[in-house]
Protein backbone atom coordinates (compact mmCIF):
# COMPACT_ATOMS: atom_id res chain seq x y z
CA UNK A 1 16.45 10.31 1.36
CA UNK A 2 14.74 11.52 -2.02
CA UNK A 3 12.48 8.25 -1.94
CA UNK A 4 11.52 9.54 1.71
CA UNK A 5 10.38 12.98 0.85
CA UNK A 6 8.43 11.52 -1.92
CA UNK A 7 6.66 8.99 0.12
CA UNK A 8 6.05 12.17 2.93
CA UNK A 9 4.62 14.30 -0.08
CA UNK A 10 1.99 11.54 -1.00
CA UNK A 11 1.21 10.63 2.27
CA UNK A 12 0.63 14.51 3.06
CA UNK A 13 -1.66 15.18 -0.32
CA UNK A 14 -3.67 12.13 0.72
CA UNK A 15 -4.40 12.76 4.03
CA UNK A 16 -5.11 16.35 3.17
CA UNK A 17 -7.38 15.30 0.65
CA UNK A 18 -9.16 12.60 3.03
CA UNK A 19 -9.49 15.54 5.64
CA UNK A 20 -11.47 17.64 2.93
CA UNK A 21 -13.74 14.91 1.86
CA UNK A 22 -14.49 14.14 5.55
CA UNK A 23 -15.32 17.44 6.56
CA UNK A 24 -17.56 18.33 3.73
CA UNK A 25 -19.04 15.03 3.98
CA UNK A 26 -19.66 14.73 7.77
CA UNK A 27 -17.68 11.48 7.59
CA UNK A 28 -15.90 11.07 11.15
CA UNK A 29 -14.07 7.92 10.16
CA UNK A 30 -12.31 9.84 7.46
CA UNK A 31 -11.31 12.55 9.64
CA UNK A 32 -10.02 10.60 12.27
CA UNK A 33 -7.81 8.48 9.63
CA UNK A 34 -6.76 11.86 7.99
CA UNK A 35 -5.51 12.85 11.56
CA UNK A 36 -3.56 9.56 12.04
CA UNK A 37 -1.81 10.00 8.83
CA UNK A 38 -0.76 13.27 9.49
CA UNK A 39 0.51 12.38 12.90
CA UNK A 40 2.58 9.47 11.01
CA UNK A 41 3.92 12.14 8.32
CA UNK A 42 5.31 13.86 11.27
CA UNK A 43 7.12 10.94 12.22
CA UNK A 44 8.39 10.29 9.09
CA UNK A 45 9.49 14.09 8.70
CA UNK A 46 11.36 13.81 12.09
CA UNK A 47 13.24 10.59 10.71
CA UNK A 48 14.11 12.84 7.41
CA UNK A 49 15.25 15.42 9.37
CA UNK A 50 17.55 12.95 11.69
CA UNK A 51 19.22 11.86 8.63
CA UNK A 52 20.09 15.32 7.40
CA UNK A 53 21.30 16.53 10.98
CA UNK A 54 23.30 13.53 11.57
CA UNK A 55 25.52 14.22 8.95
CA UNK A 56 26.95 17.46 10.87
CA UNK A 57 30.26 16.90 12.51
CA UNK A 58 30.74 16.84 16.23
CA UNK A 59 31.03 20.35 17.97
CA UNK A 60 31.85 22.08 21.10
CA UNK A 61 27.96 21.23 22.30
CA UNK A 62 27.77 17.85 21.15
CA UNK A 63 31.47 16.39 21.15
CA UNK A 64 29.83 12.95 19.73
CA UNK A 65 27.98 14.42 16.95
CA UNK A 66 24.25 14.09 15.86
CA UNK A 67 24.14 10.61 14.97
CA UNK A 68 22.35 9.40 17.68
CA UNK A 69 19.29 11.65 16.52
CA UNK A 70 18.68 8.71 13.71
CA UNK A 71 18.57 6.24 16.98
CA UNK A 72 16.09 8.63 18.91
CA UNK A 73 13.98 8.82 15.54
CA UNK A 74 13.98 5.15 15.05
CA UNK A 75 12.71 4.61 18.73
CA UNK A 76 10.32 7.22 18.48
CA UNK A 77 8.88 5.27 15.00
CA UNK A 78 9.02 2.15 17.01
CA UNK A 79 7.12 3.89 20.03
CA UNK A 80 4.17 5.17 17.78
CA UNK A 81 3.97 1.84 16.44
CA UNK A 82 3.52 -0.32 19.78
CA UNK A 83 0.55 2.67 20.52
CA UNK A 84 -1.02 1.79 17.14
CA UNK A 85 -1.05 -1.69 18.15
CA UNK A 86 -2.72 -1.00 21.61
CA UNK A 87 -4.99 1.26 19.67
CA UNK A 88 -6.35 -1.42 17.58
CA UNK A 89 -6.46 -4.08 20.25
CA UNK A 90 -8.71 -1.44 21.93
CA UNK A 91 -10.59 -0.81 18.70
CA UNK A 92 -11.05 -4.49 18.30
CA UNK A 93 -12.52 -4.66 21.96
CA UNK A 94 -14.91 -1.99 20.99
CA UNK A 95 -16.08 -3.78 17.64
CA UNK A 96 -16.79 -6.83 20.14
CA UNK A 97 -18.72 -5.00 22.70
CA UNK A 98 -20.75 -2.66 19.88
CA UNK A 99 -23.41 -4.04 17.30
CA UNK A 100 -21.30 -4.94 13.90
CA UNK A 101 -24.01 -3.99 11.93
CA UNK A 102 -22.99 -0.27 12.23
CA UNK A 103 -19.58 -0.79 10.76
CA UNK A 104 -19.25 2.05 8.36
CA UNK A 105 -18.05 0.11 4.89
CA UNK A 106 -17.27 3.41 3.19
CA UNK A 107 -14.00 3.35 4.92
CA UNK A 108 -12.85 0.32 2.73
CA UNK A 109 -12.10 2.94 -0.20
CA UNK A 110 -10.16 4.71 1.95
CA UNK A 111 -8.19 1.81 3.14
CA UNK A 112 -7.43 0.64 0.02
CA UNK A 113 -5.99 3.91 -1.33
CA UNK A 114 -3.93 3.75 1.73
CA UNK A 115 -2.68 0.45 1.23
CA UNK A 116 -1.72 1.74 -2.50
CA UNK A 117 0.31 4.52 -1.02
CA UNK A 118 2.03 2.52 1.60
CA UNK A 119 2.85 -0.27 -0.81
CA UNK A 120 4.85 2.36 -2.62
CA UNK A 121 6.60 3.26 0.40
CA UNK A 122 7.22 -0.54 1.38
CA UNK A 123 8.87 -0.86 -2.53
CA UNK A 124 11.03 1.93 -1.95
CA UNK A 125 12.73 0.71 1.43
CA UNK A 126 12.03 -2.97 0.69
CA UNK A 127 15.97 -3.81 1.50
CA UNK A 128 14.93 -3.20 5.00
CA UNK A 129 11.91 -5.03 5.27
CA UNK A 130 12.91 -7.74 7.83
CA UNK A 131 12.36 -8.06 11.51
CA UNK A 132 15.74 -8.53 12.41
CA UNK A 133 18.01 -6.62 10.75
CA UNK A 134 21.68 -6.36 11.54
CA UNK A 135 22.41 -2.42 12.19
CA UNK A 136 25.85 -1.83 10.48
CA UNK A 137 25.43 2.16 11.10
CA UNK A 138 22.56 4.45 12.73
CA UNK A 139 21.28 5.17 8.92
CA UNK A 140 20.21 1.43 8.64
CA UNK A 141 18.36 1.90 12.26
CA UNK A 142 16.27 4.70 10.90
CA UNK A 143 15.56 3.73 7.53
CA UNK A 144 14.67 -0.21 9.37
CA UNK A 145 11.97 1.81 11.24
CA UNK A 146 10.63 3.68 8.36
CA UNK A 147 10.01 0.81 6.40
CA UNK A 148 8.63 -1.13 9.73
CA UNK A 149 6.27 2.37 9.92
CA UNK A 150 4.81 2.27 6.41
CA UNK A 151 4.86 -1.65 6.75
CA UNK A 152 2.67 -1.46 9.98
CA UNK A 153 0.44 0.89 8.14
CA UNK A 154 -0.18 -1.47 5.45
CA UNK A 155 -1.15 -4.30 7.34
CA UNK A 156 -3.24 -2.44 9.24
CA UNK A 157 -5.11 -1.25 6.05
CA UNK A 158 -5.27 -4.83 4.74
CA UNK A 159 -6.88 -5.75 7.97
CA UNK A 160 -9.64 -3.11 7.53
CA UNK A 161 -9.99 -4.26 3.80
CA UNK A 162 -10.40 -7.81 4.88
CA UNK A 163 -12.75 -6.98 7.97
CA UNK A 164 -15.11 -4.96 5.62
CA UNK A 165 -15.28 -7.84 2.92
CA UNK A 166 -16.00 -10.53 5.87
CA UNK A 167 -18.65 -8.41 7.15
CA UNK A 168 -20.15 -8.01 3.73
CA UNK A 169 -20.03 -11.94 3.70
CA UNK A 170 -22.02 -12.22 6.85
CA UNK A 171 -19.37 -13.59 9.06
CA UNK A 172 -19.59 -12.87 12.61
CA UNK A 173 -16.97 -10.88 14.66
CA UNK A 174 -14.98 -10.50 11.71
CA UNK A 175 -14.00 -6.76 12.73
CA UNK A 176 -13.00 -8.25 16.16
CA UNK A 177 -10.72 -10.78 14.74
CA UNK A 178 -8.86 -8.95 11.54
CA UNK A 179 -8.06 -5.84 14.20
CA UNK A 180 -6.64 -8.29 16.69
CA UNK A 181 -4.70 -10.25 13.98
CA UNK A 182 -3.25 -6.86 13.11
CA UNK A 183 -2.56 -5.53 16.35
CA UNK A 184 -0.74 -8.80 17.44
CA UNK A 185 1.44 -8.60 13.95
CA UNK A 186 2.26 -4.88 14.00
CA UNK A 187 3.42 -5.65 17.90
CA UNK A 188 5.61 -8.68 16.95
CA UNK A 189 6.89 -6.46 13.97
CA UNK A 190 8.11 -3.77 15.98
CA UNK A 191 9.08 -5.08 19.29
CA UNK A 192 12.74 -6.15 18.26
CA UNK A 193 13.32 -2.86 17.44
CA UNK A 194 11.97 -0.97 20.26
CA UNK A 195 14.18 -3.22 22.36
CA UNK A 196 17.51 -2.25 20.52
CA UNK A 197 16.78 1.28 20.44
CA UNK A 198 15.67 1.55 23.60
CA UNK A 199 19.00 -0.27 24.88
CA UNK A 200 21.27 2.16 23.14
CA UNK A 201 19.16 5.19 24.66
CA UNK A 202 19.63 3.71 28.13
CA UNK A 203 23.08 3.00 27.40
CA UNK A 204 23.06 -1.02 27.79
CA UNK A 205 26.03 -3.09 27.48
CA UNK A 206 27.07 -3.77 23.69
CA UNK A 207 25.27 -7.01 22.72
CA UNK A 208 28.13 -7.44 20.03
CA UNK A 209 30.56 -7.78 22.81
CA UNK A 210 30.09 -11.14 25.04
CA UNK A 211 30.04 -10.44 28.82
CA UNK A 212 32.71 -13.21 29.29
CA UNK A 213 35.16 -11.76 26.58
CA UNK A 214 34.59 -8.22 28.55
CA UNK A 215 35.22 -9.78 31.92
CA UNK A 216 38.30 -11.93 30.11
CA UNK A 217 40.00 -8.39 29.57
CA UNK A 218 39.30 -7.25 32.91
CA UNK A 219 41.03 -10.35 34.34
CA UNK A 220 44.04 -9.89 32.04
CA UNK A 221 44.54 -6.39 33.13
CA UNK A 222 44.22 -7.10 36.74
CA UNK A 223 46.62 -9.90 36.37
CA UNK A 224 49.65 -7.55 35.74
CA UNK A 225 52.03 -6.79 38.47
CA UNK A 226 52.26 -3.18 37.70
CA UNK A 227 48.08 -2.77 38.15
CA UNK A 228 46.44 -2.96 41.63
CA UNK A 229 42.80 -2.26 40.90
CA UNK A 230 40.26 -2.14 38.02
CA UNK A 231 37.56 -0.12 38.67
CA UNK A 232 34.41 1.67 37.04
CA UNK A 233 34.61 -0.27 33.84
CA UNK A 234 31.78 0.78 31.62
CA UNK A 235 30.87 -0.18 27.95
CA UNK A 236 28.07 1.05 25.70
CA UNK A 237 26.88 1.43 22.26
CA UNK A 238 26.62 5.24 21.07
CA UNK A 239 25.28 4.54 17.82
CA UNK A 240 25.31 1.01 15.92
CA UNK A 241 28.68 -0.15 14.90
CA UNK A 242 30.31 2.42 17.58
CA UNK A 243 31.25 0.88 20.95
CA UNK A 244 32.72 3.37 23.35
CA UNK A 245 33.99 2.35 26.99
CA UNK A 246 35.87 4.10 29.92
CA UNK A 247 37.64 2.38 33.11
CA UNK A 248 39.99 3.61 36.02
CA UNK A 249 43.06 2.06 37.07
CA UNK A 250 44.74 1.97 40.10
CA UNK A 251 48.99 1.39 39.64
CA UNK A 252 52.11 1.37 41.53
CA UNK A 253 53.29 4.87 41.86
CA UNK A 254 56.39 5.65 40.00
CA UNK A 255 55.41 2.98 37.23
CA UNK A 256 55.38 4.29 33.37
CA UNK A 257 51.93 4.14 32.53
CA UNK A 258 52.47 4.50 28.67
CA UNK A 259 52.84 0.55 28.39
CA UNK A 260 49.75 -0.14 30.53
CA UNK A 261 47.76 2.07 28.20
CA UNK A 262 49.02 0.60 25.06
CA UNK A 263 48.41 -2.84 26.58
CA UNK A 264 44.69 -2.01 27.88
CA UNK A 265 43.62 -0.12 24.66
CA UNK A 266 45.11 -2.85 22.53
CA UNK A 267 42.87 -5.90 24.31
CA UNK A 268 39.87 -3.29 23.97
CA UNK A 269 40.28 -2.29 20.46
CA UNK A 270 40.57 -6.24 19.30
CA UNK A 271 36.90 -6.54 20.90
CA UNK A 272 35.76 -3.86 18.86
CA UNK A 273 35.79 -0.88 21.35
CA UNK A 274 36.57 2.33 19.06
CA UNK A 275 36.55 4.54 21.70
CA UNK A 276 38.25 4.13 24.94
CA UNK A 277 38.77 6.33 28.01
CA UNK A 278 41.34 5.13 30.69
CA UNK A 279 42.12 6.94 33.88
CA UNK A 280 44.89 6.05 35.89
CA UNK A 281 45.33 6.96 39.27
CA UNK A 282 48.38 6.18 41.41
CA UNK A 283 48.95 4.60 44.90
């Protein structure tokens, strides 16, 4: 968390300086980039807040605890990066329509400085610098989103630098090409994280447990003589590495339900379901 705080501090200092210079010199491009960085700092701050808040123990209001805050933080970062990818695509289209000779080359200084700051962040979180990462806990997911955030910003800055260099060499449609490549790269970089975090927040069936295994457990329970019906079987991932489930059983009247409960809990525990709620109704 200390590294994240240092990264946020560097970005805040740089964006403040860029905003002041932009306002003083009347450079609209610098002011716009400063606001982009400020919004990014806000998301990184939310990630740090989620890391701290998720350590709180469950209470009467939040009986499952606060760990899902980290999943929400990762989803928010992913959503922001998808929006950035879309805005870069729009910017590339605008550059294609407009005369590229009006491109403001002074932004290369801002892009180089921003790239250096973001490369420090990539170095801080280099252990998470992968597109498809196996999340053992919600903290892994949050840190991965932070790493993708600074990595995407680095790619954006590198694309602007490359576009300015190509333009100085007289390459036609250089800005369109570079911004288009960066837009696609950011989209491909963040889409897996967006899918995973969205699936958890929508309480999708846990991908770590095959549907065939869940169906097999259901058949084993139904095959018992003392069970007449199994219904409302629902399983989802609360956070990465923590699967929750619930189901309802209809059993014969007068049957001792303790062996049934022990059997059911044992089946799903072997699959990796940590929390299981079983409701038993009698015929």
